[in-house]
């Protein structure tokens, strides 16, 4: 008998990728020299969803033009296309966009470029509610880049993000959190006093290498684990990988992308998506 309701779950491969903003001071590692490597690492791993950080308008534009299978959503942190994005890319053949938006990590989250917590630059988040075309289930994807200098701004940003995560809907949170696992921000996001998000590394069904550092400063030697894929109300993570790829001797960024695969329940999220 035909299952008119569709599958009860779906899989999604998710990548978080700090692109490293274009800087002339990077010399041999400037964006022009490594942009093909950035495209190639996405093509190699074929994520269904990508959360990016630091990309300027021309960097996001290059990915949008060279990877036409993806749609791109997001606004830059000074509004419009000015300065860095936390853009989300999603495969058009997999997902239908139901809704999207941005908010700034401040006391005035709907005000572009706002910063009220002592951080020197604005910080923000971009989100998208996506519907899997096969199952009808939905997934809420939130992508961010927390502050690198001010711990209190980082902590307050994490709390604001936690307040924006849907109470019952399957959710994936990607980002450069600028904190290690021992840090309070990570412990809040993954702990019982916070939203209780699952870390794809520790929740993964398959064994993962002990050393999973993501920031490497163009050396190829991982220094710190600060880039994460977290989930809530998902059925589990099938894989977790720090993508240490290089292409023609070139690293795509000073961060390694993280690639995970998660399984999402479709039945409950289909009802939530229909009522959203």
Foldseek 3Di string as FASTA:
>chain_A
DDDPLFDQKDKFKEKEEEQAEADVVVPCQGCVNQLVVVLVVCVVVVGQKYFYWFYALVSVVVNCVVPVQWDKDWAAQQGRRPGMTRIMIGGPVFKDWDDKDKFWLDPGGVHRFDHDFPAPGIWMKIWTWIAGPRNLFIEIEIETEFGQPDVVSLQSSLQVVQVVDDPAHKYKYWYQSNDACVDPSNCQCCDPVTNNWAWQQVQEPDDDDPDDAWAAQFPLDRDGNRTTITIDQFPTWHDKDFASDDDPSHHSHRTTMIMIMTMHGGPVRSVVSVVD
